Amino acid sequence: MQKRQTLTKLLPAALICAAVLSPAGAAEAKNEITVAVASTFTTMDPWNATDTLSQAVAKSFYEGLFRFDREMNVVPSLAESAESSPDGMQHVVHLRRGVKFHDGTTFTAEAVKANFDRITTPGSTLKRFFLFENVASLKVLDPYTVRFTLKRPNSAFINRLAHPSAVMICPKSLSEKEVSIAFHPCGTGPFVMKNYNPSDVLRVEKNPNYWRAGYPKLDAITWRPVVENSTRVAMALTGEADYAFPLPSEQVKMVKDKGTLRVDVTPSIMLRFVEMNLTKPVFKDVRVRQALNYAVNKEALVKVAFAGYADVAEGIAPLSVDYAVKLGPWPYDPQKAKALLKEAGYPNGFEVELWSGYNHTTASKIIQFLQQQLAQVGIKTTTRMLEPGVRAQIVYGVKDPKEAKSRLYYIGWADGSMDPDWVLRPLLDSRQAPPKFMNTSYYSNPKFDALLDEAISTTDEAKRTALYQQAQKMVWNDAPWAYLVYEVGTAGADARLKNFHLRADTGIDFREAYWDESESGK
């Protein structure tokens, strides 16, 4: 099996990003851009965010010790280098000097400790608590060196530190109420927040004291949630927006034909699926869950809802993710679905609610398609589109599984750390059910949980590979989800906007972004 090499010693950041030359004419570049996105924001506290978009825009003002580059390789950010012990139990991180937080505080090892003390405190209610629950201690070795000691081995721990949630927040802000962090971010990033309304706008402006000389190249970014697909595209075509994401797949050809925008197409690790709430009697029967997988024509879904910009899911994760295995796809077989439903005691099907975790128009099209497909095997659905704030409250904010009102729930997942444990654990480990985290199908299989625990604790590559393969096969056959597609990211951009990229995790990389007037305009 070909495995991405996990870094145990990273090259100094200076060798990676030093001497990046400014583009010709950068001094005269456009001062600011507007970016139209499909959803509203949930929180500007990445440690507590459940959506990729909020974490992506939060990179305007937050940075972590490490990050993923455009090719999803781990590179230093606020750290300069790191060494990991052979047993994967200890990880020493050397920090960058000369960095200031937005409030003028110097970034040091004590700031790192303050941030990780917040996330690793037992009983923490932060959504990303379990990403770092394996940290036993963090010791300050000197003002610019820290050592993480883990409870269990994890040779991919540096990948965890590169997760977009693992950012450094101003230490003074950590002593304030959580709502202050959620609405008034303070970090070390290239921009500072100037205006924020979760459903309307997030405006950030250039940090004049940014540690990276000559950056950012842009003076300001205005992020605007635009739920309606046609409106978002129109904004890009008329110049009201300089970047639109996602570009609705059904409109990609039209935009390409016009030739006024650059169309970015990026294969992603975003799996789209329908969760089934396994606490409800109808979904306790594996035959019902398997029936839903047979009931949906995934190839038709790719054509109808994604205009070809998706791939039928063949496993829990695409093969670009370490330890991923090809397991499917589940074939389209409505007769098999009906037979399984009859065996399970539902010869005439049943009625159920189908929710979407998104309220944009592409999701609406997907929900309508799913509704029609399920109706053909006797499953009658009523649908509901959830706004992000509502989603956070009634899906992820459930205090007791018995109170969960979801039945069928369309959603997606793209791991932000390229760590196989974090591909599987957050949504499938029985211990990650709300209110702890995001196992909102309430899938519970002690054997599966044990496989994950054993896999994350071993440094034997052959053993780890076998354990992850076994875990994926188990959950694929248990079918707590109806597995649909891997989405392909599409965006429309003004040709003059350079180095503003989609990543495989559906995040956005804009560290190097600049405006080049030498390109022909619209």
Foldseek 3Di string as FASTA:
>chain_A
DDFDDADQKAAFLCVVDPPPDDPPPLVVFDAEFEEEEAAFEAFLQLLAGPDQASLQVNLQQWDFQWAADQAGDIHGDQWGIKHADPQQFKIKTFGDADFAKLVGHGDWLVLLQLLVCQLQPPPRLRQNNVLQVQFPDWADPDRGMIMTGGNFHFSNVSLSRRFSNNTGFDSVCSVDDPVCCGFATMYRHQWHWDDDDRQAKTKTAGRPSHRDPPDDSHGIYIYGHDQEQVVQVVCCVVVVGQKYWFNFQVCPVVVVVVVFWDKDWFFAFKWKWKFFQCVDVVLVDLLLLLLLLQLAAQVVCCCQLRVVQWAWDQFLTPPVQGLTDGHDRSHHDLVSSLVSCVVVPCNQAEEFEEEEAADHPSSVRSVVRSQVSSVVSRYHYDYYYDHNNRCCCQQQADADSVSRPHGIYIDIAFGRSSDLLSSDCCQADLVNHPPNYHVRSNHYDVVLNVLSVVLSRGPPVVSNSVSSVVSGNVCVSSNSINTHTRGIGMMIRWPQWPPFDQHNSRRTDCGHITGHPVDDHD
